[in-house]
Amino acid sequence: MKTLLLASNGRYVIEKGMKLLFPDVSRIKLAWITTAGKGAVNQDHLERHRALLEKEGYHFEEIDIEGKMRMNWKSCSRTRTRSMWKAGILFIS
């Protein structure tokens, strides 16, 4: 099953929200789309979220999709883009 999660409060989602959906977050694969955060003046929240994901035991990969909106992702040979399609959860915050 694939799940798309759009979040406005990443900390809540990481600490509590995901655990409501998945009792053992260490068993899920999370593709974390960080592209939107690049537009923020202060990007400290990305570091805090990264540390929190590690602390809480998530298996995740950060993916930047800037410039990839017009390409056919499924046929892309880049490992990072392919791993996004294999992840159980696509987390955009």
PDB file of N, CA and C in Angstrom:
ATOM      1  N   MET A   1       0.833  -1.173   0.000  1.00  0.00           N
ATOM      2  CA  MET A   1       0.000   0.000   0.000  1.00  0.00           C
ATOM      3  C   MET A   1       0.883   1.243   0.000  1.00  0.00           C
ATOM      4  N   LYS A   2       0.552   2.218  -0.816  1.00  0.00           N
ATOM      5  CA  LYS A   2       1.256   3.494  -0.868  1.00  0.00           C
ATOM      6  C   LYS A   2       0.412   4.533  -0.152  1.00  0.00           C
ATOM      7  N   THR A   3       1.059   5.412   0.576  1.00  0.00           N
ATOM      8  CA  THR A   3       0.379   6.466   1.302  1.00  0.00           C
ATOM      9  C   THR A   3       1.031   7.791   0.966  1.00  0.00           C
ATOM     10  N   LEU A   4       0.243   8.799   0.633  1.00  0.00           N
ATOM     11  CA  LEU A   4       0.744  10.142   0.392  1.00  0.00           C
ATOM     12  C   LEU A   4       0.344  10.982   1.588  1.00  0.00           C
ATOM     13  N   LEU A   5       1.318  11.614   2.230  1.00  0.00           N
ATOM     14  CA  LEU A   5       1.050  12.407   3.416  1.00  0.00           C
ATOM     15  C   LEU A   5       1.545  13.826   3.183  1.00  0.00           C
ATOM     16  N   LEU A   6       0.619  14.776   3.150  1.00  0.00           N
ATOM     17  CA  LEU A   6       0.951  16.190   3.019  1.00  0.00           C
ATOM     18  C   LEU A   6       0.794  16.802   4.402  1.00  0.00           C
ATOM     19  N   ALA A   7       1.837  17.422   4.905  1.00  0.00           N
ATOM     20  CA  ALA A   7       1.808  17.891   6.280  1.00  0.00           C
ATOM     21  C   ALA A   7       2.200  19.347   6.395  1.00  0.00           C
ATOM     22  N   SER A   8       1.532  20.057   7.290  1.00  0.00           N
ATOM     23  CA  SER A   8       1.934  21.425   7.569  1.00  0.00           C
ATOM     24  C   SER A   8       2.676  21.507   8.904  1.00  0.00           C
ATOM     25  N   ASN A   9       2.575  20.477   9.711  1.00  0.00           N
ATOM     26  CA  ASN A   9       3.279  20.443  10.987  1.00  0.00           C
ATOM     27  C   ASN A   9       4.110  19.174  11.029  1.00  0.00           C
ATOM     28  N   GLY A  10       5.304  19.231  10.470  1.00  0.00           N
ATOM     29  CA  GLY A  10       6.147  18.049  10.369  1.00  0.00           C
ATOM     30  C   GLY A  10       6.480  17.420  11.703  1.00  0.00           C
ATOM     31  N   ARG A  11       6.739  18.233  12.716  1.00  0.00           N
ATOM     32  CA  ARG A  11       7.095  17.682  14.032  1.00  0.00           C
ATOM     33  C   ARG A  11       5.978  16.807  14.597  1.00  0.00           C
ATOM     34  N   TYR A  12       4.738  17.289  14.535  1.00  0.00           N
ATOM     35  CA  TYR A  12       3.615  16.496  15.035  1.00  0.00           C
ATOM     36  C   TYR A  12       3.491  15.184  14.263  1.00  0.00           C
ATOM     37  N   VAL A  13       3.596  15.278  12.952  1.00  0.00           N
ATOM     38  CA  VAL A  13       3.471  14.075  12.120  1.00  0.00           C
ATOM     39  C   VAL A  13       4.544  13.065  12.488  1.00  0.00           C
ATOM     40  N   ILE A  14       5.783  13.528  12.663  1.00  0.00           N
ATOM     41  CA  ILE A  14       6.894  12.626  12.972  1.00  0.00           C
ATOM     42  C   ILE A  14       6.737  12.012  14.357  1.00  0.00           C
ATOM     43  N   GLU A  15       6.388  12.830  15.350  1.00  0.00           N
ATOM     44  CA  GLU A  15       6.319  12.340  16.722  1.00  0.00           C
ATOM     45  C   GLU A  15       5.059  11.545  17.023  1.00  0.00           C
ATOM     46  N   LYS A  16       3.913  11.938  16.441  1.00  0.00           N
ATOM     47  CA  LYS A  16       2.645  11.303  16.828  1.00  0.00           C
ATOM     48  C   LYS A  16       1.801  10.811  15.662  1.00  0.00           C
ATOM     49  N   GLY A  17       1.699  11.625  14.614  1.00  0.00           N
ATOM     50  CA  GLY A  17       0.775  11.315  13.525  1.00  0.00           C
ATOM     51  C   GLY A  17       1.031   9.990  12.832  1.00  0.00           C
ATOM     52  N   MET A  18       2.284   9.725  12.482  1.00  0.00           N
ATOM     53  CA  MET A  18       2.614   8.463  11.792  1.00  0.00           C
ATOM     54  C   MET A  18       2.318   7.258  12.670  1.00  0.00           C
ATOM     55  N   LYS A  19       2.523   7.427  13.969  1.00  0.00           N
ATOM     56  CA  LYS A  19       2.295   6.308  14.889  1.00  0.00           C
ATOM     57  C   LYS A  19       0.817   5.967  15.026  1.00  0.00           C
ATOM     58  N   LEU A  20      -0.050   6.913  14.676  1.00  0.00           N
ATOM     59  CA  LEU A  20      -1.480   6.619  14.640  1.00  0.00           C
ATOM     60  C   LEU A  20      -1.814   5.710  13.460  1.00  0.00           C
ATOM     61  N   LEU A  21      -1.071   5.889  12.369  1.00  0.00           N
ATOM     62  CA  LEU A  21      -1.298   5.090  11.165  1.00  0.00           C
ATOM     63  C   LEU A  21      -0.519   3.778  11.162  1.00  0.00           C
ATOM     64  N   PHE A  22       0.685   3.811  11.740  1.00  0.00           N
ATOM     65  CA  PHE A  22       1.587   2.663  11.703  1.00  0.00           C
ATOM     66  C   PHE A  22       2.143   2.422  13.102  1.00  0.00           C
ATOM     67  N   PRO A  23       1.782   1.308  13.749  1.00  0.00           N
ATOM     68  CA  PRO A  23       2.248   1.049  15.111  1.00  0.00           C
ATOM     69  C   PRO A  23       3.777   0.956  15.229  1.00  0.00           C
ATOM     70  N   ASP A  24       4.446   0.459  14.208  1.00  0.00           N
ATOM     71  CA  ASP A  24       5.905   0.315  14.252  1.00  0.00           C
ATOM     72  C   ASP A  24       6.511   1.072  13.075  1.00  0.00           C
ATOM     73  N   VAL A  25       6.907   2.324  13.324  1.00  0.00           N
ATOM     74  CA  VAL A  25       7.411   3.162  12.239  1.00  0.00           C
ATOM     75  C   VAL A  25       8.753   2.683  11.704  1.00  0.00           C
ATOM     76  N   SER A  26       9.456   1.858  12.445  1.00  0.00           N
ATOM     77  CA  SER A  26      10.743   1.356  11.963  1.00  0.00           C
ATOM     78  C   SER A  26      10.576   0.353  10.822  1.00  0.00           C
ATOM     79  N   ARG A  27       9.349  -0.100  10.595  1.00  0.00           N
ATOM     80  CA  ARG A  27       9.101  -1.084   9.538  1.00  0.00           C
ATOM     81  C   ARG A  27       8.633  -0.454   8.233  1.00  0.00           C
ATOM     82  N   ILE A  28       8.450   0.856   8.223  1.00  0.00           N
ATOM     83  CA  ILE A  28       8.000   1.501   6.992  1.00  0.00           C
ATOM     84  C   ILE A  28       9.175   2.157   6.273  1.00  0.00           C
ATOM     85  N   LYS A  29       9.011   2.362   4.984  1.00  0.00           N
ATOM     86  CA  LYS A  29       9.996   3.082   4.177  1.00  0.00           C
ATOM     87  C   LYS A  29       9.388   4.438   3.856  1.00  0.00           C
ATOM     88  N   LEU A  30      10.121   5.486   4.178  1.00  0.00           N
ATOM     89  CA  LEU A  30       9.609   6.832   4.045  1.00  0.00           C
ATOM     90  C   LEU A  30      10.441   7.620   3.033  1.00  0.00           C
ATOM     91  N   ALA A  31       9.781   8.167   2.026  1.00  0.00           N
ATOM     92  CA  ALA A  31      10.441   9.066   1.091  1.00  0.00           C
ATOM     93  C   ALA A  31      10.056  10.478   1.528  1.00  0.00           C
ATOM     94  N   TRP A  32      11.025  11.235   1.998  1.00  0.00           N
ATOM     95  CA  TRP A  32      10.779  12.572   2.535  1.00  0.00           C
ATOM     96  C   TRP A  32      11.133  13.608   1.473  1.00  0.00           C
ATOM     97  N   ILE A  33      10.118  14.268   0.930  1.00  0.00           N
ATOM     98  CA  ILE A  33      10.305  15.277  -0.101  1.00  0.00           C
ATOM     99  C   ILE A  33      10.591  16.609   0.592  1.00  0.00           C
ATOM    100  N   THR A  34      11.792  17.117   0.434  1.00  0.00           N
ATOM    101  CA  THR A  34      12.226  18.322   1.142  1.00  0.00           C
ATOM    102  C   THR A  34      12.255  19.559   0.251  1.00  0.00           C
ATOM    103  N   THR A  35      11.835  19.453  -0.975  1.00  0.00           N
ATOM    104  CA  THR A  35      11.954  20.534  -1.952  1.00  0.00           C
ATOM    105  C   THR A  35      11.259  21.820  -1.494  1.00  0.00           C
ATOM    106  N   ALA A  36      10.065  21.723  -0.928  1.00  0.00           N
ATOM    107  CA  ALA A  36       9.327  22.923  -0.521  1.00  0.00           C
ATOM    108  C   ALA A  36      10.085  23.719   0.535  1.00  0.00           C
ATOM    109  N   GLY A  37      10.826  23.052   1.388  1.00  0.00           N
ATOM    110  CA  GLY A  37      11.579  23.729   2.433  1.00  0.00           C
ATOM    111  C   GLY A  37      12.713  24.587   1.911  1.00  0.00           C
ATOM    112  N   LYS A  38      13.121  24.353   0.681  1.00  0.00           N
ATOM    113  CA  LYS A  38      14.216  25.135   0.097  1.00  0.00           C
ATOM    114  C   LYS A  38      13.820  26.590  -0.099  1.00  0.00           C
ATOM    115  N   GLY A  39      12.529  26.877  -0.161  1.00  0.00           N
ATOM    116  CA  GLY A  39      12.065  28.242  -0.353  1.00  0.00           C
ATOM    117  C   GLY A  39      12.015  29.056   0.925  1.00  0.00           C
ATOM    118  N   ALA A  40      12.179  28.415   2.063  1.00  0.00           N
ATOM    119  CA  ALA A  40      12.125  29.124   3.339  1.00  0.00           C
ATOM    120  C   ALA A  40      13.417  29.903   3.577  1.00  0.00           C
ATOM    121  N   VAL A  41      13.282  31.059   4.192  1.00  0.00           N
ATOM    122  CA  VAL A  41      14.456  31.869   4.516  1.00  0.00           C
ATOM    123  C   VAL A  41      15.336  31.117   5.506  1.00  0.00           C
ATOM    124  N   ASN A  42      14.721  30.547   6.518  1.00  0.00           N
ATOM    125  CA  ASN A  42      15.441  29.775   7.532  1.00  0.00           C
ATOM    126  C   ASN A  42      15.114  28.301   7.335  1.00  0.00           C
ATOM    127  N   GLN A  43      16.111  27.500   7.093  1.00  0.00           N
ATOM    128  CA  GLN A  43      15.884  26.071   6.829  1.00  0.00           C
ATOM    129  C   GLN A  43      16.231  25.191   8.027  1.00  0.00           C
ATOM    130  N   ASP A  44      16.286  25.776   9.215  1.00  0.00           N
ATOM    131  CA  ASP A  44      16.601  25.013  10.416  1.00  0.00           C
ATOM    132  C   ASP A  44      15.601  23.889  10.675  1.00  0.00           C
ATOM    133  N   HIS A  45      14.348  24.107  10.249  1.00  0.00           N
ATOM    134  CA  HIS A  45      13.337  23.078  10.492  1.00  0.00           C
ATOM    135  C   HIS A  45      13.692  21.763   9.787  1.00  0.00           C
ATOM    136  N   LEU A  46      14.363  21.842   8.648  1.00  0.00           N
ATOM    137  CA  LEU A  46      14.759  20.611   7.954  1.00  0.00           C
ATOM    138  C   LEU A  46      15.759  19.824   8.784  1.00  0.00           C
ATOM    139  N   GLU A  47      16.707  20.506   9.408  1.00  0.00           N
ATOM    140  CA  GLU A  47      17.672  19.825  10.282  1.00  0.00           C
ATOM    141  C   GLU A  47      16.983  19.215  11.489  1.00  0.00           C
ATOM    142  N   ARG A  48      16.047  19.959  12.077  1.00  0.00           N
ATOM    143  CA  ARG A  48      15.314  19.436  13.246  1.00  0.00           C
ATOM    144  C   ARG A  48      14.493  18.212  12.861  1.00  0.00           C
ATOM    145  N   HIS A  49      13.821  18.275  11.715  1.00  0.00           N
ATOM    146  CA  HIS A  49      13.016  17.131  11.271  1.00  0.00           C
ATOM    147  C   HIS A  49      13.900  15.926  10.961  1.00  0.00           C
ATOM    148  N   ARG A  50      15.045  16.161  10.335  1.00  0.00           N
ATOM    149  CA  ARG A  50      15.979  15.076  10.022  1.00  0.00           C
ATOM    150  C   ARG A  50      16.425  14.383  11.312  1.00  0.00           C
ATOM    151  N   ALA A  51      16.816  15.171  12.312  1.00  0.00           N
ATOM    152  CA  ALA A  51      17.261  14.605  13.596  1.00  0.00           C
ATOM    153  C   ALA A  51      16.122  13.866  14.292  1.00  0.00           C
ATOM    154  N   LEU A  52      14.920  14.409  14.205  1.00  0.00           N
ATOM    155  CA  LEU A  52      13.767  13.775  14.843  1.00  0.00           C
ATOM    156  C   LEU A  52      13.400  12.463  14.155  1.00  0.00           C
ATOM    157  N   LEU A  53      13.451  12.438  12.824  1.00  0.00           N
ATOM    158  CA  LEU A  53      13.185  11.192  12.097  1.00  0.00           C
ATOM    159  C   LEU A  53      14.173  10.108  12.513  1.00  0.00           C
ATOM    160  N   GLU A  54      15.439  10.472  12.635  1.00  0.00           N
ATOM    161  CA  GLU A  54      16.458   9.498  13.062  1.00  0.00           C
ATOM    162  C   GLU A  54      16.210   9.037  14.490  1.00  0.00           C
ATOM    163  N   LYS A  55      15.921   9.981  15.374  1.00  0.00           N
ATOM    164  CA  LYS A  55      15.680   9.658  16.789  1.00  0.00           C
ATOM    165  C   LYS A  55      14.481   8.715  16.966  1.00  0.00           C
ATOM    166  N   GLU A  56      13.433   8.953  16.187  1.00  0.00           N
ATOM    167  CA  GLU A  56      12.205   8.155  16.309  1.00  0.00           C
ATOM    168  C   GLU A  56      12.305   6.801  15.601  1.00  0.00           C
ATOM    169  N   GLY A  57      13.389   6.551  14.876  1.00  0.00           N
ATOM    170  CA  GLY A  57      13.607   5.241  14.274  1.00  0.00           C
ATOM    171  C   GLY A  57      13.043   5.042  12.874  1.00  0.00           C
ATOM    172  N   TYR A  58      12.781   6.116  12.175  1.00  0.00           N
ATOM    173  CA  TYR A  58      12.261   6.002  10.813  1.00  0.00           C
ATOM    174  C   TYR A  58      13.369   5.589   9.847  1.00  0.00           C
ATOM    175  N   HIS A  59      13.015   4.800   8.847  1.00  0.00           N
ATOM    176  CA  HIS A  59      13.903   4.506   7.721  1.00  0.00           C
ATOM    177  C   HIS A  59      13.443   5.435   6.610  1.00  0.00           C
ATOM    178  N   PHE A  60      14.252   6.447   6.308  1.00  0.00           N
ATOM    179  CA  PHE A  60      13.811   7.463   5.370  1.00  0.00           C
ATOM    180  C   PHE A  60      14.931   7.843   4.415  1.00  0.00           C
ATOM    181  N   GLU A  61      14.496   8.430   3.322  1.00  0.00           N
ATOM    182  CA  GLU A  61      15.436   8.982   2.353  1.00  0.00           C
ATOM    183  C   GLU A  61      14.929  10.358   1.949  1.00  0.00           C
ATOM    184  N   GLU A  62      15.807  11.340   2.001  1.00  0.00           N
ATOM    185  CA  GLU A  62      15.461  12.691   1.561  1.00  0.00           C
ATOM    186  C   GLU A  62      15.525  12.747   0.043  1.00  0.00           C
ATOM    187  N   ILE A  63      14.513  13.346  -0.549  1.00  0.00           N
ATOM    188  CA  ILE A  63      14.472  13.453  -1.995  1.00  0.00           C
ATOM    189  C   ILE A  63      14.113  14.886  -2.377  1.00  0.00           C
ATOM    190  N   ASP A  64      14.891  15.457  -3.261  1.00  0.00           N
ATOM    191  CA  ASP A  64      14.654  16.790  -3.793  1.00  0.00           C
ATOM    192  C   ASP A  64      14.129  16.620  -5.220  1.00  0.00           C
ATOM    193  N   ILE A  65      12.919  17.072  -5.460  1.00  0.00           N
ATOM    194  CA  ILE A  65      12.317  16.871  -6.783  1.00  0.00           C
ATOM    195  C   ILE A  65      12.378  18.125  -7.652  1.00  0.00           C
ATOM    196  N   GLU A  66      13.147  19.118  -7.227  1.00  0.00           N
ATOM    197  CA  GLU A  66      13.269  20.338  -8.025  1.00  0.00           C
ATOM    198  C   GLU A  66      13.795  19.997  -9.423  1.00  0.00           C
ATOM    199  N   GLY A  67      13.115  20.509 -10.440  1.00  0.00           N
ATOM    200  CA  GLY A  67      13.523  20.280 -11.817  1.00  0.00           C
ATOM    201  C   GLY A  67      13.091  18.937 -12.387  1.00  0.00           C
ATOM    202  N   LYS A  68      12.396  18.131 -11.619  1.00  0.00           N
ATOM    203  CA  LYS A  68      11.983  16.809 -12.091  1.00  0.00           C
ATOM    204  C   LYS A  68      10.491  16.746 -12.417  1.00  0.00           C
ATOM    205  N   MET A  69       9.821  17.856 -12.372  1.00  0.00           N
ATOM    206  CA  MET A  69       8.367  17.856 -12.558  1.00  0.00           C
ATOM    207  C   MET A  69       7.942  17.463 -13.971  1.00  0.00           C
ATOM    208  N   ARG A  70       8.775  17.672 -14.953  1.00  0.00           N
ATOM    209  CA  ARG A  70       8.381  17.377 -16.331  1.00  0.00           C
ATOM    210  C   ARG A  70       8.914  16.041 -16.839  1.00  0.00           C
ATOM    211  N   MET A  71       9.636  15.330 -16.009  1.00  0.00           N
ATOM    212  CA  MET A  71      10.202  14.074 -16.494  1.00  0.00           C
ATOM    213  C   MET A  71       9.318  12.896 -16.095  1.00  0.00           C
ATOM    214  N   ASN A  72       9.446  11.816 -16.793  1.00  0.00           N
ATOM    215  CA  ASN A  72       8.715  10.603 -16.464  1.00  0.00           C
ATOM    216  C   ASN A  72       9.474   9.886 -15.355  1.00  0.00           C
ATOM    217  N   TRP A  73       9.045  10.060 -14.114  1.00  0.00           N
ATOM    218  CA  TRP A  73       9.768   9.519 -12.969  1.00  0.00           C
ATOM    219  C   TRP A  73       9.875   8.002 -13.006  1.00  0.00           C
ATOM    220  N   LYS A  74       8.835   7.327 -13.472  1.00  0.00           N
ATOM    221  CA  LYS A  74       8.859   5.863 -13.442  1.00  0.00           C
ATOM    222  C   LYS A  74       9.939   5.289 -14.352  1.00  0.00           C
ATOM    223  N   SER A  75      10.278   5.988 -15.409  1.00  0.00           N
ATOM    224  CA  SER A  75      11.309   5.480 -16.303  1.00  0.00           C
ATOM    225  C   SER A  75      12.686   6.066 -15.993  1.00  0.00           C
ATOM    226  N   CYS A  76      12.753   6.890 -14.967  1.00  0.00           N
ATOM    227  CA  CYS A  76      14.017   7.532 -14.613  1.00  0.00           C
ATOM    228  C   CYS A  76      14.985   6.499 -14.042  1.00  0.00           C
ATOM    229  N   SER A  77      16.227   6.585 -14.449  1.00  0.00           N
ATOM    230  CA  SER A  77      17.212   5.609 -13.980  1.00  0.00           C
ATOM    231  C   SER A  77      17.911   6.064 -12.707  1.00  0.00           C
ATOM    232  N   ARG A  78      17.619   7.244 -12.207  1.00  0.00           N
ATOM    233  CA  ARG A  78      18.278   7.743 -11.002  1.00  0.00           C
ATOM    234  C   ARG A  78      17.771   6.989  -9.779  1.00  0.00           C
ATOM    235  N   THR A  79      18.678   6.512  -8.974  1.00  0.00           N
ATOM    236  CA  THR A  79      18.345   5.702  -7.802  1.00  0.00           C
ATOM    237  C   THR A  79      17.426   6.428  -6.841  1.00  0.00           C
ATOM    238  N   ARG A  80      17.688   7.678  -6.556  1.00  0.00           N
ATOM    239  CA  ARG A  80      16.882   8.403  -5.577  1.00  0.00           C
ATOM    240  C   ARG A  80      15.431   8.524  -6.029  1.00  0.00           C
ATOM    241  N   THR A  81      15.213   8.793  -7.302  1.00  0.00           N
ATOM    242  CA  THR A  81      13.851   8.922  -7.785  1.00  0.00           C
ATOM    243  C   THR A  81      13.144   7.577  -7.781  1.00  0.00           C
ATOM    244  N   ARG A  82      13.857   6.530  -8.157  1.00  0.00           N
ATOM    245  CA  ARG A  82      13.250   5.200  -8.122  1.00  0.00           C
ATOM    246  C   ARG A  82      12.888   4.792  -6.703  1.00  0.00           C
ATOM    247  N   SER A  83      13.725   5.142  -5.717  1.00  0.00           N
ATOM    248  CA  SER A  83      13.443   4.751  -4.343  1.00  0.00           C
ATOM    249  C   SER A  83      12.174   5.431  -3.841  1.00  0.00           C
ATOM    250  N   MET A  84      11.844   6.592  -4.389  1.00  0.00           N
ATOM    251  CA  MET A  84      10.615   7.267  -4.001  1.00  0.00           C
ATOM    252  C   MET A  84       9.406   6.406  -4.355  1.00  0.00           C
ATOM    253  N   TRP A  85       9.457   5.747  -5.500  1.00  0.00           N
ATOM    254  CA  TRP A  85       8.331   4.912  -5.915  1.00  0.00           C
ATOM    255  C   TRP A  85       8.257   3.620  -5.116  1.00  0.00           C
ATOM    256  N   LYS A  86       9.368   3.201  -4.501  1.00  0.00           N
ATOM    257  CA  LYS A  86       9.374   1.971  -3.711  1.00  0.00           C
ATOM    258  C   LYS A  86       9.005   2.213  -2.261  1.00  0.00           C
ATOM    259  N   ALA A  87       9.010   3.475  -1.828  1.00  0.00           N
ATOM    260  CA  ALA A  87       8.728   3.794  -0.444  1.00  0.00           C
ATOM    261  C   ALA A  87       7.256   3.504  -0.126  1.00  0.00           C
ATOM    262  N   GLY A  88       7.004   3.161   1.122  1.00  0.00           N
ATOM    263  CA  GLY A  88       5.636   2.930   1.561  1.00  0.00           C
ATOM    264  C   GLY A  88       4.895   4.229   1.808  1.00  0.00           C
ATOM    265  N   ILE A  89       5.626   5.272   2.192  1.00  0.00           N
ATOM    266  CA  ILE A  89       5.015   6.557   2.493  1.00  0.00           C
ATOM    267  C   ILE A  89       5.792   7.665   1.786  1.00  0.00           C
ATOM    268  N   LEU A  90       5.079   8.572   1.188  1.00  0.00           N
ATOM    269  CA  LEU A  90       5.656   9.749   0.584  1.00  0.00           C
ATOM    270  C   LEU A  90       5.285  10.920   1.491  1.00  0.00           C
ATOM    271  N   PHE A  91       6.252  11.472   2.221  1.00  0.00           N
ATOM    272  CA  PHE A  91       6.032  12.518   3.216  1.00  0.00           C
ATOM    273  C   PHE A  91       6.509  13.845   2.664  1.00  0.00           C
ATOM    274  N   ILE A  92       5.578  14.777   2.477  1.00  0.00           N
ATOM    275  CA  ILE A  92       5.912  16.082   1.942  1.00  0.00           C
ATOM    276  C   ILE A  92       5.638  17.096   3.029  1.00  0.00           C
ATOM    277  N   SER A  93       6.702  17.762   3.464  1.00  0.00           N
ATOM    278  CA  SER A  93       6.504  18.745   4.541  1.00  0.00           C
ATOM    279  C   SER A  93       7.289  19.999   4.264  1.00  0.00           C
TER     280      SER A  93
END
